[in-house]
Amino acid sequence: MSELDKIDLKILRELQNNGRLSNAELAELVNVSAATCHRRTQRLFEKKFIDSVQANIKPSAVNLGAVVMVGVVLDRSTPESFENFERAIKKLSIVLSCFLVAGEYDYLLKIRVKDMTDFNKLHSDKLLALPEVRQLRTYFVMKEVVDNAPLPF
């Protein structure tokens, strides 16, 4: 983070909290001119400090109210197995997050579905057909306590 000064960090914090701010509103919040704010924000995008700006859709509004976490164990722990699995999982739009982890599983997946019936179909049709998969362990989330919290910087 050595390339970032206090103003850059303020811009990042404000955009993280509200990506819909106009440049004028953002400039006022971080106490710089609109031109300076625009220049700095563009640099933050160009240097890849900001990946994207997107809307957080309320899951229940699009009938995806159930969160499912899936632990995945692969048949083998080889670079080829990991590569095959990762290539396939990236093609499944229903997977919101996929993490390579150390511990009991090789990967943890975060998936949103309509309900248990919806997940059962997904499990049978897509997840079990993924390459290299030996075992899946499914956890239905009872309550989302913290999700997509802002980065703490």
C-alpha atoms as a PDB file:
ATOM      1  CA  MET A   1       0.000   0.000   0.000  1.00  0.00           C
ATOM      2  CA  SER A   2       3.006   2.295  -0.213  1.00  0.00           C
ATOM      3  CA  GLU A   3       1.578   3.921  -3.366  1.00  0.00           C
ATOM      4  CA  LEU A   4      -1.514   5.025  -1.466  1.00  0.00           C
ATOM      5  CA  ASP A   5      -1.593   8.190   0.598  1.00  0.00           C
ATOM      6  CA  LYS A   6      -4.265   9.315   3.076  1.00  0.00           C
ATOM      7  CA  ILE A   7      -6.455  10.846   0.376  1.00  0.00           C
ATOM      8  CA  ASP A   8      -6.343   7.676  -1.742  1.00  0.00           C
ATOM      9  CA  LEU A   9      -7.333   5.615   1.286  1.00  0.00           C
ATOM     10  CA  LYS A  10     -10.226   7.988   2.023  1.00  0.00           C
ATOM     11  CA  ILE A  11     -11.411   7.668  -1.576  1.00  0.00           C
ATOM     12  CA  LEU A  12     -11.247   3.879  -1.369  1.00  0.00           C
ATOM     13  CA  ARG A  13     -13.142   3.810   1.943  1.00  0.00           C
ATOM     14  CA  GLU A  14     -15.880   6.096   0.660  1.00  0.00           C
ATOM     15  CA  LEU A  15     -16.320   4.174  -2.591  1.00  0.00           C
ATOM     16  CA  GLN A  16     -16.340   0.895  -0.706  1.00  0.00           C
ATOM     17  CA  ASN A  17     -19.198   2.197   1.429  1.00  0.00           C
ATOM     18  CA  ASN A  18     -21.107   3.789  -1.448  1.00  0.00           C
ATOM     19  CA  GLY A  19     -20.033   3.124  -5.021  1.00  0.00           C
ATOM     20  CA  ARG A  20     -22.801   5.365  -6.353  1.00  0.00           C
ATOM     21  CA  LEU A  21     -21.237   8.595  -5.150  1.00  0.00           C
ATOM     22  CA  SER A  22     -20.788  11.212  -7.838  1.00  0.00           C
ATOM     23  CA  ASN A  23     -17.299  12.594  -8.290  1.00  0.00           C
ATOM     24  CA  ALA A  24     -18.446  15.903  -6.747  1.00  0.00           C
ATOM     25  CA  GLU A  25     -19.884  14.139  -3.690  1.00  0.00           C
ATOM     26  CA  LEU A  26     -16.762  12.021  -3.301  1.00  0.00           C
ATOM     27  CA  ALA A  27     -14.485  15.070  -3.632  1.00  0.00           C
ATOM     28  CA  GLU A  28     -16.420  16.834  -0.892  1.00  0.00           C
ATOM     29  CA  LEU A  29     -16.228  13.821   1.428  1.00  0.00           C
ATOM     30  CA  VAL A  30     -12.457  13.493   1.032  1.00  0.00           C
ATOM     31  CA  ASN A  31     -11.886  17.255   1.042  1.00  0.00           C
ATOM     32  CA  VAL A  32     -10.237  17.720  -2.369  1.00  0.00           C
ATOM     33  CA  SER A  33     -11.277  19.450  -5.595  1.00  0.00           C
ATOM     34  CA  ALA A  34     -13.453  17.558  -8.079  1.00  0.00           C
ATOM     35  CA  ALA A  35     -10.613  17.548 -10.636  1.00  0.00           C
ATOM     36  CA  THR A  36      -8.143  16.112  -8.106  1.00  0.00           C
ATOM     37  CA  CYS A  37     -10.663  13.516  -6.995  1.00  0.00           C
ATOM     38  CA  HIS A  38     -11.380  12.451 -10.573  1.00  0.00           C
ATOM     39  CA  ARG A  39      -7.676  12.166 -11.405  1.00  0.00           C
ATOM     40  CA  ARG A  40      -6.964  10.128  -8.267  1.00  0.00           C
ATOM     41  CA  THR A  41      -9.965   7.848  -8.760  1.00  0.00           C
ATOM     42  CA  GLN A  42      -8.942   7.160 -12.365  1.00  0.00           C
ATOM     43  CA  ARG A  43      -5.419   6.308 -11.171  1.00  0.00           C
ATOM     44  CA  LEU A  44      -6.858   3.910  -8.559  1.00  0.00           C
ATOM     45  CA  PHE A  45      -8.728   2.101 -11.340  1.00  0.00           C
ATOM     46  CA  GLU A  46      -5.736   2.099 -13.695  1.00  0.00           C
ATOM     47  CA  LYS A  47      -3.394   0.731 -10.996  1.00  0.00           C
ATOM     48  CA  LYS A  48      -5.985  -1.965 -10.158  1.00  0.00           C
ATOM     49  CA  PHE A  49      -6.576  -0.831  -6.578  1.00  0.00           C
ATOM     50  CA  ILE A  50     -10.259  -0.888  -7.551  1.00  0.00           C
ATOM     51  CA  ASP A  51     -11.381  -3.993  -9.415  1.00  0.00           C
ATOM     52  CA  SER A  52     -14.888  -2.847 -10.232  1.00  0.00           C
ATOM     53  CA  VAL A  53     -17.916  -1.006  -8.955  1.00  0.00           C
ATOM     54  CA  GLN A  54     -21.091  -3.045  -8.767  1.00  0.00           C
ATOM     55  CA  ALA A  55     -24.519  -3.117  -7.196  1.00  0.00           C
ATOM     56  CA  ASN A  56     -25.165  -5.483  -4.301  1.00  0.00           C
ATOM     57  CA  ILE A  57     -28.485  -7.073  -5.195  1.00  0.00           C
ATOM     58  CA  LYS A  58     -30.775  -8.170  -2.373  1.00  0.00           C
ATOM     59  CA  PRO A  59     -30.767 -11.978  -2.839  1.00  0.00           C
ATOM     60  CA  SER A  60     -34.399 -12.466  -1.856  1.00  0.00           C
ATOM     61  CA  ALA A  61     -35.437  -9.937  -4.523  1.00  0.00           C
ATOM     62  CA  VAL A  62     -34.164 -12.308  -7.206  1.00  0.00           C
ATOM     63  CA  ASN A  63     -35.380 -15.460  -5.461  1.00  0.00           C
ATOM     64  CA  LEU A  64     -31.954 -16.615  -4.249  1.00  0.00           C
ATOM     65  CA  GLY A  65     -32.492 -16.476  -0.506  1.00  0.00           C
ATOM     66  CA  ALA A  66     -30.658 -19.642   0.562  1.00  0.00           C
ATOM     67  CA  VAL A  67     -26.895 -19.698   1.082  1.00  0.00           C
ATOM     68  CA  VAL A  68     -25.076 -22.995   0.845  1.00  0.00           C
ATOM     69  CA  MET A  69     -21.441 -23.599   1.724  1.00  0.00           C
ATOM     70  CA  VAL A  70     -19.916 -26.675   0.117  1.00  0.00           C
ATOM     71  CA  GLY A  71     -16.675 -28.321   1.159  1.00  0.00           C
ATOM     72  CA  VAL A  72     -14.976 -30.117  -1.742  1.00  0.00           C
ATOM     73  CA  VAL A  73     -12.397 -32.894  -1.490  1.00  0.00           C
ATOM     74  CA  LEU A  74     -10.602 -33.852  -4.682  1.00  0.00           C
ATOM     75  CA  ASP A  75      -9.539 -37.359  -5.685  1.00  0.00           C
ATOM     76  CA  ARG A  76      -5.884 -36.376  -5.844  1.00  0.00           C
ATOM     77  CA  SER A  77      -3.783 -33.427  -4.719  1.00  0.00           C
ATOM     78  CA  THR A  78      -1.923 -32.758  -7.927  1.00  0.00           C
ATOM     79  CA  PRO A  79      -1.480 -29.551  -9.896  1.00  0.00           C
ATOM     80  CA  GLU A  80      -3.469 -31.096 -12.759  1.00  0.00           C
ATOM     81  CA  SER A  81      -6.386 -31.997 -10.453  1.00  0.00           C
ATOM     82  CA  PHE A  82      -6.523 -28.488  -9.034  1.00  0.00           C
ATOM     83  CA  GLU A  83      -6.306 -26.963 -12.509  1.00  0.00           C
ATOM     84  CA  ASN A  84      -9.089 -29.202 -13.892  1.00  0.00           C
ATOM     85  CA  PHE A  85     -11.388 -28.453 -10.969  1.00  0.00           C
ATOM     86  CA  GLU A  86     -10.736 -24.706 -11.047  1.00  0.00           C
ATOM     87  CA  ARG A  87     -11.306 -24.481 -14.799  1.00  0.00           C
ATOM     88  CA  ALA A  88     -14.669 -26.256 -14.406  1.00  0.00           C
ATOM     89  CA  ILE A  89     -15.836 -24.333 -11.327  1.00  0.00           C
ATOM     90  CA  LYS A  90     -15.222 -20.984 -13.038  1.00  0.00           C
ATOM     91  CA  LYS A  91     -17.836 -21.961 -15.619  1.00  0.00           C
ATOM     92  CA  LEU A  92     -20.580 -22.390 -13.003  1.00  0.00           C
ATOM     93  CA  SER A  93     -22.289 -19.023 -12.571  1.00  0.00           C
ATOM     94  CA  ILE A  94     -24.092 -20.260  -9.458  1.00  0.00           C
ATOM     95  CA  VAL A  95     -20.796 -20.357  -7.540  1.00  0.00           C
ATOM     96  CA  LEU A  96     -20.370 -16.952  -5.896  1.00  0.00           C
ATOM     97  CA  SER A  97     -17.013 -17.743  -4.291  1.00  0.00           C
ATOM     98  CA  CYS A  98     -14.509 -20.562  -4.526  1.00  0.00           C
ATOM     99  CA  PHE A  99     -11.555 -20.751  -2.156  1.00  0.00           C
ATOM    100  CA  LEU A 100      -8.610 -23.147  -2.183  1.00  0.00           C
ATOM    101  CA  VAL A 101      -8.126 -23.910   1.518  1.00  0.00           C
ATOM    102  CA  ALA A 102      -5.871 -25.840   3.859  1.00  0.00           C
ATOM    103  CA  GLY A 103      -7.503 -28.301   6.206  1.00  0.00           C
ATOM    104  CA  GLU A 104     -10.294 -30.830   5.896  1.00  0.00           C
ATOM    105  CA  TYR A 105     -11.329 -29.722   2.381  1.00  0.00           C
ATOM    106  CA  ASP A 106      -9.462 -28.720  -0.729  1.00  0.00           C
ATOM    107  CA  TYR A 107     -12.008 -26.035  -1.655  1.00  0.00           C
ATOM    108  CA  LEU A 108     -14.881 -24.162  -0.066  1.00  0.00           C
ATOM    109  CA  LEU A 109     -17.690 -22.916  -2.273  1.00  0.00           C
ATOM    110  CA  LYS A 110     -20.313 -20.289  -1.534  1.00  0.00           C
ATOM    111  CA  ILE A 111     -23.497 -20.796  -3.525  1.00  0.00           C
ATOM    112  CA  ARG A 112     -26.888 -19.069  -3.523  1.00  0.00           C
ATOM    113  CA  VAL A 113     -30.030 -20.960  -4.487  1.00  0.00           C
ATOM    114  CA  LYS A 114     -33.786 -20.571  -4.198  1.00  0.00           C
ATOM    115  CA  ASP A 115     -34.253 -23.391  -1.674  1.00  0.00           C
ATOM    116  CA  MET A 116     -33.186 -26.919  -0.745  1.00  0.00           C
ATOM    117  CA  THR A 117     -34.966 -28.432  -3.752  1.00  0.00           C
ATOM    118  CA  ASP A 118     -33.095 -26.040  -6.041  1.00  0.00           C
ATOM    119  CA  PHE A 119     -29.794 -27.027  -4.415  1.00  0.00           C
ATOM    120  CA  ASN A 120     -30.594 -30.735  -4.679  1.00  0.00           C
ATOM    121  CA  LYS A 121     -30.995 -30.384  -8.454  1.00  0.00           C
ATOM    122  CA  LEU A 122     -27.794 -28.341  -8.704  1.00  0.00           C
ATOM    123  CA  HIS A 123     -25.961 -30.916  -6.577  1.00  0.00           C
ATOM    124  CA  SER A 124     -27.092 -33.806  -8.776  1.00  0.00           C
ATOM    125  CA  ASP A 125     -26.742 -32.096 -12.154  1.00  0.00           C
ATOM    126  CA  LYS A 126     -23.649 -29.925 -11.739  1.00  0.00           C
ATOM    127  CA  LEU A 127     -21.603 -30.362  -8.571  1.00  0.00           C
ATOM    128  CA  LEU A 128     -21.295 -34.136  -8.641  1.00  0.00           C
ATOM    129  CA  ALA A 129     -20.236 -33.922 -12.297  1.00  0.00           C
ATOM    130  CA  LEU A 130     -17.279 -31.628 -11.579  1.00  0.00           C
ATOM    131  CA  PRO A 131     -13.926 -33.179 -12.532  1.00  0.00           C
ATOM    132  CA  GLU A 132     -11.642 -34.616  -9.869  1.00  0.00           C
ATOM    133  CA  VAL A 133     -14.285 -34.454  -7.081  1.00  0.00           C
ATOM    134  CA  ARG A 134     -14.223 -37.277  -4.563  1.00  0.00           C
ATOM    135  CA  GLN A 135     -16.471 -35.837  -1.871  1.00  0.00           C
ATOM    136  CA  LEU A 136     -18.827 -32.913  -1.223  1.00  0.00           C
ATOM    137  CA  ARG A 137     -19.995 -31.747   2.208  1.00  0.00           C
ATOM    138  CA  THR A 138     -22.924 -29.347   2.253  1.00  0.00           C
ATOM    139  CA  TYR A 139     -23.809 -26.770   4.902  1.00  0.00           C
ATOM    140  CA  PHE A 140     -27.002 -24.732   4.668  1.00  0.00           C
ATOM    141  CA  VAL A 141     -26.529 -21.309   6.227  1.00  0.00           C
ATOM    142  CA  MET A 142     -29.079 -20.605   8.952  1.00  0.00           C
ATOM    143  CA  LYS A 143     -28.325 -16.897   9.301  1.00  0.00           C
ATOM    144  CA  GLU A 144     -26.006 -14.474   7.555  1.00  0.00           C
ATOM    145  CA  VAL A 145     -24.312 -12.537  10.315  1.00  0.00           C
ATOM    146  CA  VAL A 146     -21.656 -10.737   8.227  1.00  0.00           C
ATOM    147  CA  ASP A 147     -21.402 -10.939   4.442  1.00  0.00           C
ATOM    148  CA  ASN A 148     -19.328  -8.854   2.066  1.00  0.00           C
ATOM    149  CA  ALA A 149     -18.180  -6.496   4.817  1.00  0.00           C
ATOM    150  CA  PRO A 150     -15.956  -3.601   3.734  1.00  0.00           C
ATOM    151  CA  LEU A 151     -12.223  -4.285   3.854  1.00  0.00           C
ATOM    152  CA  PRO A 152     -10.773  -3.067   7.176  1.00  0.00           C
ATOM    153  CA  PHE A 153      -8.027  -0.658   6.148  1.00  0.00           C
END
